Amino acid sequence: MPRKFWTRQMIATEVLRLHEMGQDLSWTCMRQEYGYLLAAASRYFGGWQEAVEFVGLDYGAIRRVDSWDADKIVKKIKELYEQGHDLSLSNMVADRDLSRITYAASRHYESWKNAIEEAGLDYDAIARQKTWSQEEIETAILQLHDSGEDLSSKQMDITHQPLISAARKRFGTWEKAVAHVGLDYDKIRKREHWTREKILNRIKALQEDGESLRSTYILKRHPALYAATQKKRYFGGWINAVRAAGIEYASRKSPGMTKAQLDLFRKQRRLDKAMTMK
């Protein structure tokens, strides 16, 4: 049901929910069934593509679903099955390259389940989610903590949904899972996770380590940092934060930049210029 009031987090959560369901997230399909979500994304993110990319999905792959016809989908499913790939929906949508097949399947067969069965496979045997052991959950939580990730449930629901779901299932709540590995969840929940200085220091450290500072890379590898830079009280955008750190944002010079990415870059440049003139 359409919501009368939205927040960026609510929109991001809804995008991820639809993504995990195998919903075709192309603008054309969303307009037919989820026009209210498109409108909310435009208001809070500046556009549908921006909202999709904010949660770490490849919008370019989503737009390429038209290149997949019904026969090609079935053929690819059989090929992946013979190669021993995990064809569960959760695994497919988690892979940037394979996720576009699930989008295409939802368009041609209405669901991933129908596409699997059209390929002559047993969906019940395939439709399984990753089984997290207690040790894997504990290790993942500690690794995220050591890397400086925001471990609040609000952020984890957006950036690490499979992990927090597994932790809740095994420990009852996310707070109990965090406490189980020896961390104080009250401090995690109450502390100020990011400051302008912390953000700038992290950006400089990434540059010194030789990591790419392109927004698409940061969104995928450092989602919490990227999300922090979007807040108006900090920088209002990744590019603004990079420049505030004294670094020239050179995404425009990237040889692998697509026309869509270039258009988005130019749009951001115009917004940056408008903000500077105010």
C-alpha atoms as a PDB file:
ATOM      1  CA  MET A   1       0.000   0.000   0.000  1.00  0.00           C
ATOM      2  CA  PRO A   2       1.371   3.442  -0.907  1.00  0.00           C
ATOM      3  CA  ARG A   3       2.753   5.422   2.028  1.00  0.00           C
ATOM      4  CA  LYS A   4       1.698   9.009   2.686  1.00  0.00           C
ATOM      5  CA  PHE A   5       4.993   9.794   4.384  1.00  0.00           C
ATOM      6  CA  TRP A   6       8.442   8.578   3.355  1.00  0.00           C
ATOM      7  CA  THR A   7      12.006   8.828   4.567  1.00  0.00           C
ATOM      8  CA  ARG A   8      15.177   7.924   2.688  1.00  0.00           C
ATOM      9  CA  GLN A   9      15.566   4.828   4.867  1.00  0.00           C
ATOM     10  CA  MET A  10      11.989   3.671   4.193  1.00  0.00           C
ATOM     11  CA  ILE A  11      12.518   4.074   0.449  1.00  0.00           C
ATOM     12  CA  ALA A  12      15.847   2.209   0.544  1.00  0.00           C
ATOM     13  CA  THR A  13      14.277  -0.613   2.542  1.00  0.00           C
ATOM     14  CA  GLU A  14      11.399  -0.903   0.067  1.00  0.00           C
ATOM     15  CA  VAL A  15      13.780  -0.969  -2.914  1.00  0.00           C
ATOM     16  CA  LEU A  16      15.755  -3.805  -1.315  1.00  0.00           C
ATOM     17  CA  ARG A  17      12.560  -5.694  -0.453  1.00  0.00           C
ATOM     18  CA  LEU A  18      11.346  -5.555  -4.056  1.00  0.00           C
ATOM     19  CA  HIS A  19      14.829  -6.486  -5.274  1.00  0.00           C
ATOM     20  CA  GLU A  20      14.915  -9.597  -3.081  1.00  0.00           C
ATOM     21  CA  MET A  21      11.454 -10.571  -4.358  1.00  0.00           C
ATOM     22  CA  GLY A  22      12.832 -10.566  -7.894  1.00  0.00           C
ATOM     23  CA  GLN A  23      10.774  -7.545  -8.918  1.00  0.00           C
ATOM     24  CA  ASP A  24      11.764  -5.870 -12.185  1.00  0.00           C
ATOM     25  CA  LEU A  25      13.150  -2.529 -10.968  1.00  0.00           C
ATOM     26  CA  SER A  26      13.293  -0.860 -14.369  1.00  0.00           C
ATOM     27  CA  TRP A  27      11.610   2.549 -14.434  1.00  0.00           C
ATOM     28  CA  THR A  28       8.994   1.416 -16.982  1.00  0.00           C
ATOM     29  CA  CYS A  29       7.871  -1.550 -14.901  1.00  0.00           C
ATOM     30  CA  MET A  30       7.906   0.399 -11.648  1.00  0.00           C
ATOM     31  CA  ARG A  31       5.737   3.111 -13.169  1.00  0.00           C
ATOM     32  CA  GLN A  32       3.021   0.551 -13.883  1.00  0.00           C
ATOM     33  CA  GLU A  33       2.830  -0.910 -10.366  1.00  0.00           C
ATOM     34  CA  TYR A  34       4.752   1.308  -7.962  1.00  0.00           C
ATOM     35  CA  GLY A  35       4.277   4.854  -9.176  1.00  0.00           C
ATOM     36  CA  TYR A  36       4.061   6.126  -5.605  1.00  0.00           C
ATOM     37  CA  LEU A  37       7.547   4.744  -4.881  1.00  0.00           C
ATOM     38  CA  LEU A  38       8.955   6.414  -7.993  1.00  0.00           C
ATOM     39  CA  ALA A  39       7.498   9.719  -6.843  1.00  0.00           C
ATOM     40  CA  ALA A  40       8.984   9.319  -3.358  1.00  0.00           C
ATOM     41  CA  ALA A  41      12.393   8.391  -4.807  1.00  0.00           C
ATOM     42  CA  SER A  42      12.331  11.464  -7.031  1.00  0.00           C
ATOM     43  CA  ARG A  43      11.582  13.674  -4.051  1.00  0.00           C
ATOM     44  CA  TYR A  44      14.149  12.256  -1.628  1.00  0.00           C
ATOM     45  CA  PHE A  45      16.915  11.054  -3.979  1.00  0.00           C
ATOM     46  CA  GLY A  46      16.435  13.165  -7.076  1.00  0.00           C
ATOM     47  CA  GLY A  47      15.395  10.215  -9.248  1.00  0.00           C
ATOM     48  CA  TRP A  48      14.715   6.488  -9.376  1.00  0.00           C
ATOM     49  CA  GLN A  49      18.188   5.561 -10.608  1.00  0.00           C
ATOM     50  CA  GLU A  50      19.753   7.465  -7.716  1.00  0.00           C
ATOM     51  CA  ALA A  51      17.585   5.579  -5.206  1.00  0.00           C
ATOM     52  CA  VAL A  52      18.434   2.199  -6.738  1.00  0.00           C
ATOM     53  CA  GLU A  53      22.157   2.933  -6.779  1.00  0.00           C
ATOM     54  CA  PHE A  54      22.032   4.279  -3.203  1.00  0.00           C
ATOM     55  CA  VAL A  55      21.310   0.756  -1.902  1.00  0.00           C
ATOM     56  CA  GLY A  56      24.196  -0.662  -3.928  1.00  0.00           C
ATOM     57  CA  LEU A  57      22.394  -2.059  -6.969  1.00  0.00           C
ATOM     58  CA  ASP A  58      23.637  -1.721 -10.540  1.00  0.00           C
ATOM     59  CA  TYR A  59      20.990   0.248 -12.397  1.00  0.00           C
ATOM     60  CA  GLY A  60      22.786  -0.394 -15.666  1.00  0.00           C
ATOM     61  CA  ALA A  61      22.177  -4.128 -15.215  1.00  0.00           C
ATOM     62  CA  ILE A  62      18.526  -3.464 -14.428  1.00  0.00           C
ATOM     63  CA  ARG A  63      18.066  -1.534 -17.654  1.00  0.00           C
ATOM     64  CA  ARG A  64      19.679  -4.325 -19.672  1.00  0.00           C
ATOM     65  CA  VAL A  65      16.882  -6.819 -18.957  1.00  0.00           C
ATOM     66  CA  ASP A  66      15.363  -6.105 -22.366  1.00  0.00           C
ATOM     67  CA  SER A  67      18.247  -7.996 -23.979  1.00  0.00           C
ATOM     68  CA  TRP A  68      17.017 -11.213 -22.342  1.00  0.00           C
ATOM     69  CA  ASP A  69      14.218 -13.059 -24.117  1.00  0.00           C
ATOM     70  CA  ALA A  70      12.402 -16.088 -22.687  1.00  0.00           C
ATOM     71  CA  ASP A  71      14.538 -18.686 -24.474  1.00  0.00           C
ATOM     72  CA  LYS A  72      17.783 -17.009 -23.479  1.00  0.00           C
ATOM     73  CA  ILE A  73      16.701 -16.949 -19.825  1.00  0.00           C
ATOM     74  CA  VAL A  74      15.900 -20.686 -19.757  1.00  0.00           C
ATOM     75  CA  LYS A  75      19.128 -21.523 -21.569  1.00  0.00           C
ATOM     76  CA  LYS A  76      21.171 -19.501 -19.085  1.00  0.00           C
ATOM     77  CA  ILE A  77      19.428 -21.111 -16.096  1.00  0.00           C
ATOM     78  CA  LYS A  78      20.253 -24.590 -17.414  1.00  0.00           C
ATOM     79  CA  GLU A  79      23.840 -23.549 -18.095  1.00  0.00           C
ATOM     80  CA  LEU A  80      24.296 -22.181 -14.573  1.00  0.00           C
ATOM     81  CA  TYR A  81      22.713 -25.299 -13.083  1.00  0.00           C
ATOM     82  CA  GLU A  82      25.084 -27.575 -14.991  1.00  0.00           C
ATOM     83  CA  GLN A  83      28.014 -25.476 -13.773  1.00  0.00           C
ATOM     84  CA  GLY A  84      26.904 -26.019 -10.181  1.00  0.00           C
ATOM     85  CA  HIS A  85      25.756 -22.457  -9.419  1.00  0.00           C
ATOM     86  CA  ASP A  86      23.450 -21.773  -6.484  1.00  0.00           C
ATOM     87  CA  LEU A  87      20.227 -20.723  -8.243  1.00  0.00           C
ATOM     88  CA  SER A  88      18.349 -19.634  -5.114  1.00  0.00           C
ATOM     89  CA  LEU A  89      16.845 -16.193  -5.526  1.00  0.00           C
ATOM     90  CA  SER A  90      18.783 -14.795  -2.573  1.00  0.00           C
ATOM     91  CA  ASN A  91      22.084 -15.848  -4.153  1.00  0.00           C
ATOM     92  CA  MET A  92      21.164 -14.660  -7.658  1.00  0.00           C
ATOM     93  CA  VAL A  93      20.105 -11.161  -6.644  1.00  0.00           C
ATOM     94  CA  ALA A  94      23.224 -10.792  -4.500  1.00  0.00           C
ATOM     95  CA  ASP A  95      25.413 -11.194  -7.602  1.00  0.00           C
ATOM     96  CA  ARG A  96      25.534  -8.012  -9.662  1.00  0.00           C
ATOM     97  CA  ASP A  97      26.102  -9.855 -12.945  1.00  0.00           C
ATOM     98  CA  LEU A  98      23.489 -12.565 -12.372  1.00  0.00           C
ATOM     99  CA  SER A  99      20.803 -10.368 -10.835  1.00  0.00           C
ATOM    100  CA  ARG A 100      19.747  -9.050 -14.240  1.00  0.00           C
ATOM    101  CA  ILE A 101      18.560 -12.568 -15.123  1.00  0.00           C
ATOM    102  CA  THR A 102      16.092 -12.520 -12.228  1.00  0.00           C
ATOM    103  CA  TYR A 103      14.812  -9.122 -13.357  1.00  0.00           C
ATOM    104  CA  ALA A 104      14.283 -10.435 -16.869  1.00  0.00           C
ATOM    105  CA  ALA A 105      12.631 -13.593 -15.529  1.00  0.00           C
ATOM    106  CA  SER A 106      10.121 -11.546 -13.551  1.00  0.00           C
ATOM    107  CA  ARG A 107       9.143  -9.800 -16.772  1.00  0.00           C
ATOM    108  CA  HIS A 108       8.865 -12.874 -19.011  1.00  0.00           C
ATOM    109  CA  TYR A 109       7.687 -15.470 -16.476  1.00  0.00           C
ATOM    110  CA  GLU A 110       6.212 -13.289 -13.697  1.00  0.00           C
ATOM    111  CA  SER A 111       8.525 -14.841 -11.113  1.00  0.00           C
ATOM    112  CA  TRP A 112      11.897 -16.548 -10.676  1.00  0.00           C
ATOM    113  CA  LYS A 113      10.085 -19.707  -9.555  1.00  0.00           C
ATOM    114  CA  ASN A 114       8.206 -19.944 -12.867  1.00  0.00           C
ATOM    115  CA  ALA A 115      11.437 -19.452 -14.819  1.00  0.00           C
ATOM    116  CA  ILE A 116      13.192 -22.213 -12.843  1.00  0.00           C
ATOM    117  CA  GLU A 117      10.328 -24.632 -13.461  1.00  0.00           C
ATOM    118  CA  GLU A 118      10.225 -23.682 -17.157  1.00  0.00           C
ATOM    119  CA  ALA A 119      13.845 -24.852 -17.305  1.00  0.00           C
ATOM    120  CA  GLY A 120      12.692 -28.221 -15.966  1.00  0.00           C
ATOM    121  CA  LEU A 121      14.247 -27.850 -12.517  1.00  0.00           C
ATOM    122  CA  ASP A 122      12.835 -28.507  -9.037  1.00  0.00           C
ATOM    123  CA  TYR A 123      12.278 -25.081  -7.493  1.00  0.00           C
ATOM    124  CA  ASP A 124      11.714 -26.446  -3.986  1.00  0.00           C
ATOM    125  CA  ALA A 125      15.167 -28.015  -4.054  1.00  0.00           C
ATOM    126  CA  ILE A 126      16.724 -24.788  -5.322  1.00  0.00           C
ATOM    127  CA  ALA A 127      14.822 -22.205  -3.283  1.00  0.00           C
ATOM    128  CA  ARG A 128      17.038 -22.115  -0.241  1.00  0.00           C
ATOM    129  CA  GLN A 129      18.814 -19.281   1.509  1.00  0.00           C
ATOM    130  CA  LYS A 130      22.359 -19.266   2.756  1.00  0.00           C
ATOM    131  CA  THR A 131      22.558 -21.053   6.089  1.00  0.00           C
ATOM    132  CA  TRP A 132      24.671 -18.974   8.436  1.00  0.00           C
ATOM    133  CA  SER A 133      26.489 -20.837  11.179  1.00  0.00           C
ATOM    134  CA  GLN A 134      26.872 -19.140  14.546  1.00  0.00           C
ATOM    135  CA  GLU A 135      30.599 -18.816  13.940  1.00  0.00           C
ATOM    136  CA  GLU A 136      30.027 -17.112  10.565  1.00  0.00           C
ATOM    137  CA  ILE A 137      27.644 -14.617  12.148  1.00  0.00           C
ATOM    138  CA  GLU A 138      30.067 -13.837  14.973  1.00  0.00           C
ATOM    139  CA  THR A 139      32.995 -13.426  12.572  1.00  0.00           C
ATOM    140  CA  ALA A 140      31.018 -11.151  10.244  1.00  0.00           C
ATOM    141  CA  ILE A 141      29.917  -8.879  13.097  1.00  0.00           C
ATOM    142  CA  LEU A 142      33.459  -8.512  14.433  1.00  0.00           C
ATOM    143  CA  GLN A 143      34.885  -7.866  10.967  1.00  0.00           C
ATOM    144  CA  LEU A 144      32.348  -5.108  10.340  1.00  0.00           C
ATOM    145  CA  HIS A 145      33.091  -3.601  13.736  1.00  0.00           C
ATOM    146  CA  ASP A 146      36.850  -3.671  13.123  1.00  0.00           C
ATOM    147  CA  SER A 147      36.383  -1.949   9.758  1.00  0.00           C
ATOM    148  CA  GLY A 148      34.411   0.873  11.366  1.00  0.00           C
ATOM    149  CA  GLU A 149      31.001  -0.029   9.929  1.00  0.00           C
ATOM    150  CA  ASP A 150      27.830   1.307  11.528  1.00  0.00           C
ATOM    151  CA  LEU A 151      26.384  -1.669  13.422  1.00  0.00           C
ATOM    152  CA  SER A 152      23.098  -0.036  14.388  1.00  0.00           C
ATOM    153  CA  SER A 153      20.097  -2.128  13.365  1.00  0.00           C
ATOM    154  CA  LYS A 154      18.786   0.766  11.282  1.00  0.00           C
ATOM    155  CA  GLN A 155      21.912   0.803   9.107  1.00  0.00           C
ATOM    156  CA  MET A 156      22.362  -2.977   9.047  1.00  0.00           C
ATOM    157  CA  ASP A 157      18.839  -3.429   7.666  1.00  0.00           C
ATOM    158  CA  ILE A 158      19.974  -1.376   4.668  1.00  0.00           C
ATOM    159  CA  THR A 159      23.571  -2.445   4.104  1.00  0.00           C
ATOM    160  CA  HIS A 160      23.777  -6.021   5.471  1.00  0.00           C
ATOM    161  CA  GLN A 161      20.245  -7.393   5.495  1.00  0.00           C
ATOM    162  CA  PRO A 162      21.150 -11.113   5.064  1.00  0.00           C
ATOM    163  CA  LEU A 163      23.486 -10.966   8.076  1.00  0.00           C
ATOM    164  CA  ILE A 164      21.092  -9.167  10.397  1.00  0.00           C
ATOM    165  CA  SER A 165      18.250 -11.508   9.397  1.00  0.00           C
ATOM    166  CA  ALA A 166      20.387 -14.563  10.163  1.00  0.00           C
ATOM    167  CA  ALA A 167      21.493 -13.048  13.477  1.00  0.00           C
ATOM    168  CA  ARG A 168      17.924 -12.327  14.525  1.00  0.00           C
ATOM    169  CA  LYS A 169      16.889 -15.854  13.646  1.00  0.00           C
ATOM    170  CA  ARG A 170      19.707 -17.417  15.664  1.00  0.00           C
ATOM    171  CA  PHE A 171      19.901 -14.998  18.643  1.00  0.00           C
ATOM    172  CA  GLY A 172      16.400 -13.551  18.771  1.00  0.00           C
ATOM    173  CA  THR A 173      17.415  -9.924  18.257  1.00  0.00           C
ATOM    174  CA  TRP A 174      20.286  -8.048  16.635  1.00  0.00           C
ATOM    175  CA  GLU A 175      21.165  -6.485  19.986  1.00  0.00           C
ATOM    176  CA  LYS A 176      21.656  -9.945  21.551  1.00  0.00           C
ATOM    177  CA  ALA A 177      23.848 -11.015  18.613  1.00  0.00           C
ATOM    178  CA  VAL A 178      26.074  -7.958  19.033  1.00  0.00           C
ATOM    179  CA  ALA A 179      26.289  -8.477  22.798  1.00  0.00           C
ATOM    180  CA  HIS A 180      27.157 -12.145  22.267  1.00  0.00           C
ATOM    181  CA  VAL A 181      30.443 -11.200  20.556  1.00  0.00           C
ATOM    182  CA  GLY A 182      31.367  -8.877  23.421  1.00  0.00           C
ATOM    183  CA  LEU A 183      30.274  -5.497  22.009  1.00  0.00           C
ATOM    184  CA  ASP A 184      28.192  -2.921  23.871  1.00  0.00           C
ATOM    185  CA  TYR A 185      25.122  -2.284  21.730  1.00  0.00           C
ATOM    186  CA  ASP A 186      24.076   0.720  23.836  1.00  0.00           C
ATOM    187  CA  LYS A 187      27.292   2.475  22.827  1.00  0.00           C
ATOM    188  CA  ILE A 188      26.770   1.475  19.193  1.00  0.00           C
ATOM    189  CA  ARG A 189      23.215   2.816  19.251  1.00  0.00           C
ATOM    190  CA  LYS A 190      23.951   6.065  21.091  1.00  0.00           C
ATOM    191  CA  ARG A 191      27.335   7.111  19.823  1.00  0.00           C
ATOM    192  CA  GLU A 192      27.831   9.599  17.015  1.00  0.00           C
ATOM    193  CA  HIS A 193      29.016   7.299  14.278  1.00  0.00           C
ATOM    194  CA  TRP A 194      30.217   9.963  11.902  1.00  0.00           C
ATOM    195  CA  THR A 195      31.570  13.497  12.113  1.00  0.00           C
ATOM    196  CA  ARG A 196      32.845  15.725   9.319  1.00  0.00           C
ATOM    197  CA  GLU A 197      36.388  15.136  10.525  1.00  0.00           C
ATOM    198  CA  LYS A 198      35.946  11.355  10.657  1.00  0.00           C
ATOM    199  CA  ILE A 199      34.490  11.303   7.145  1.00  0.00           C
ATOM    200  CA  LEU A 200      37.309  13.429   5.732  1.00  0.00           C
ATOM    201  CA  ASN A 201      39.967  11.302   7.460  1.00  0.00           C
ATOM    202  CA  ARG A 202      38.407   8.116   6.091  1.00  0.00           C
ATOM    203  CA  ILE A 203      38.368   9.517   2.538  1.00  0.00           C
ATOM    204  CA  LYS A 204      42.017  10.568   2.800  1.00  0.00           C
ATOM    205  CA  ALA A 205      42.926   7.135   4.166  1.00  0.00           C
ATOM    206  CA  LEU A 206      41.205   5.415   1.250  1.00  0.00           C
ATOM    207  CA  GLN A 207      43.148   7.562  -1.195  1.00  0.00           C
ATOM    208  CA  GLU A 208      46.421   6.795   0.571  1.00  0.00           C
ATOM    209  CA  ASP A 209      45.607   3.083   0.388  1.00  0.00           C
ATOM    210  CA  GLY A 210      45.121   3.417  -3.361  1.00  0.00           C
ATOM    211  CA  GLU A 211      41.401   2.664  -3.368  1.00  0.00           C
ATOM    212  CA  SER A 212      39.120   4.130  -5.985  1.00  0.00           C
ATOM    213  CA  LEU A 213      37.083   7.140  -4.884  1.00  0.00           C
ATOM    214  CA  ARG A 214      34.460   6.756  -7.576  1.00  0.00           C
ATOM    215  CA  SER A 215      30.988   6.955  -6.081  1.00  0.00           C
ATOM    216  CA  THR A 216      29.886   3.591  -7.518  1.00  0.00           C
ATOM    217  CA  TYR A 217      32.884   1.848  -5.946  1.00  0.00           C
ATOM    218  CA  ILE A 218      32.411   3.504  -2.551  1.00  0.00           C
ATOM    219  CA  LEU A 219      28.703   2.716  -2.565  1.00  0.00           C
ATOM    220  CA  LYS A 220      29.494  -0.972  -3.039  1.00  0.00           C
ATOM    221  CA  ARG A 221      32.566  -1.324  -0.791  1.00  0.00           C
ATOM    222  CA  HIS A 222      31.924   1.350   1.874  1.00  0.00           C
ATOM    223  CA  PRO A 223      28.138   1.912   1.986  1.00  0.00           C
ATOM    224  CA  ALA A 224      28.100   3.368   5.510  1.00  0.00           C
ATOM    225  CA  LEU A 225      30.679   6.017   4.570  1.00  0.00           C
ATOM    226  CA  TYR A 226      28.791   6.842   1.388  1.00  0.00           C
ATOM    227  CA  ALA A 227      25.483   7.162   3.264  1.00  0.00           C
ATOM    228  CA  ALA A 228      27.060   9.486   5.846  1.00  0.00           C
ATOM    229  CA  THR A 229      28.268  11.902   3.160  1.00  0.00           C
ATOM    230  CA  GLN A 230      24.712  12.217   1.818  1.00  0.00           C
ATOM    231  CA  LYS A 231      23.471  13.863   5.014  1.00  0.00           C
ATOM    232  CA  LYS A 232      22.957  17.597   4.641  1.00  0.00           C
ATOM    233  CA  ARG A 233      24.537  18.347   8.022  1.00  0.00           C
ATOM    234  CA  TYR A 234      27.774  16.907   6.674  1.00  0.00           C
ATOM    235  CA  PHE A 235      28.366  17.347   2.949  1.00  0.00           C
ATOM    236  CA  GLY A 236      25.139  16.632   1.078  1.00  0.00           C
ATOM    237  CA  GLY A 237      26.848  14.283  -1.382  1.00  0.00           C
ATOM    238  CA  TRP A 238      29.892  12.102  -2.023  1.00  0.00           C
ATOM    239  CA  ILE A 239      31.525  14.448  -4.520  1.00  0.00           C
ATOM    240  CA  ASN A 240      31.238  17.367  -2.105  1.00  0.00           C
ATOM    241  CA  ALA A 241      32.899  15.284   0.618  1.00  0.00           C
ATOM    242  CA  VAL A 242      35.798  14.243  -1.649  1.00  0.00           C
ATOM    243  CA  ARG A 243      36.443  17.855  -2.622  1.00  0.00           C
ATOM    244  CA  ALA A 244      36.223  18.953   1.016  1.00  0.00           C
ATOM    245  CA  ALA A 245      39.038  16.477   1.691  1.00  0.00           C
ATOM    246  CA  GLY A 246      41.149  18.400  -0.806  1.00  0.00           C
ATOM    247  CA  ILE A 247      40.934  15.744  -3.498  1.00  0.00           C
ATOM    248  CA  GLU A 248      39.925  16.360  -7.108  1.00  0.00           C
ATOM    249  CA  TYR A 249      37.020  14.101  -8.019  1.00  0.00           C
ATOM    250  CA  ALA A 250      38.091  12.533 -11.330  1.00  0.00           C
ATOM    251  CA  SER A 251      35.217  10.187 -12.128  1.00  0.00           C
ATOM    252  CA  ARG A 252      34.662  12.090 -15.347  1.00  0.00           C
ATOM    253  CA  LYS A 253      38.017  10.875 -16.643  1.00  0.00           C
ATOM    254  CA  SER A 254      37.321   7.222 -15.970  1.00  0.00           C
ATOM    255  CA  PRO A 255      37.691   5.237 -19.232  1.00  0.00           C
ATOM    256  CA  GLY A 256      34.908   2.863 -18.224  1.00  0.00           C
ATOM    257  CA  MET A 257      32.298   5.579 -17.720  1.00  0.00           C
ATOM    258  CA  THR A 258      28.997   4.980 -19.484  1.00  0.00           C
ATOM    259  CA  LYS A 259      26.787   7.663 -21.000  1.00  0.00           C
ATOM    260  CA  ALA A 260      24.336   7.263 -18.115  1.00  0.00           C
ATOM    261  CA  GLN A 261      27.124   7.714 -15.577  1.00  0.00           C
ATOM    262  CA  LEU A 262      28.426  10.745 -17.452  1.00  0.00           C
ATOM    263  CA  ASP A 263      24.946  12.302 -17.496  1.00  0.00           C
ATOM    264  CA  LEU A 264      24.642  11.664 -13.769  1.00  0.00           C
ATOM    265  CA  PHE A 265      28.072  13.204 -13.201  1.00  0.00           C
ATOM    266  CA  ARG A 266      27.097  16.318 -15.174  1.00  0.00           C
ATOM    267  CA  LYS A 267      23.861  16.571 -13.212  1.00  0.00           C
ATOM    268  CA  GLN A 268      25.797  16.430  -9.947  1.00  0.00           C
ATOM    269  CA  ARG A 269      28.187  19.081 -11.228  1.00  0.00           C
ATOM    270  CA  ARG A 270      25.255  21.387 -11.969  1.00  0.00           C
ATOM    271  CA  LEU A 271      23.836  20.802  -8.496  1.00  0.00           C
ATOM    272  CA  ASP A 272      27.222  21.458  -6.914  1.00  0.00           C
ATOM    273  CA  LYS A 273      27.559  24.700  -8.870  1.00  0.00           C
ATOM    274  CA  ALA A 274      24.086  25.820  -7.856  1.00  0.00           C
ATOM    275  CA  MET A 275      24.866  25.108  -4.176  1.00  0.00           C
ATOM    276  CA  THR A 276      28.123  27.079  -4.440  1.00  0.00           C
ATOM    277  CA  MET A 277      26.340  30.113  -5.882  1.00  0.00           C
ATOM    278  CA  LYS A 278      23.835  30.227  -3.011  1.00  0.00           C
END
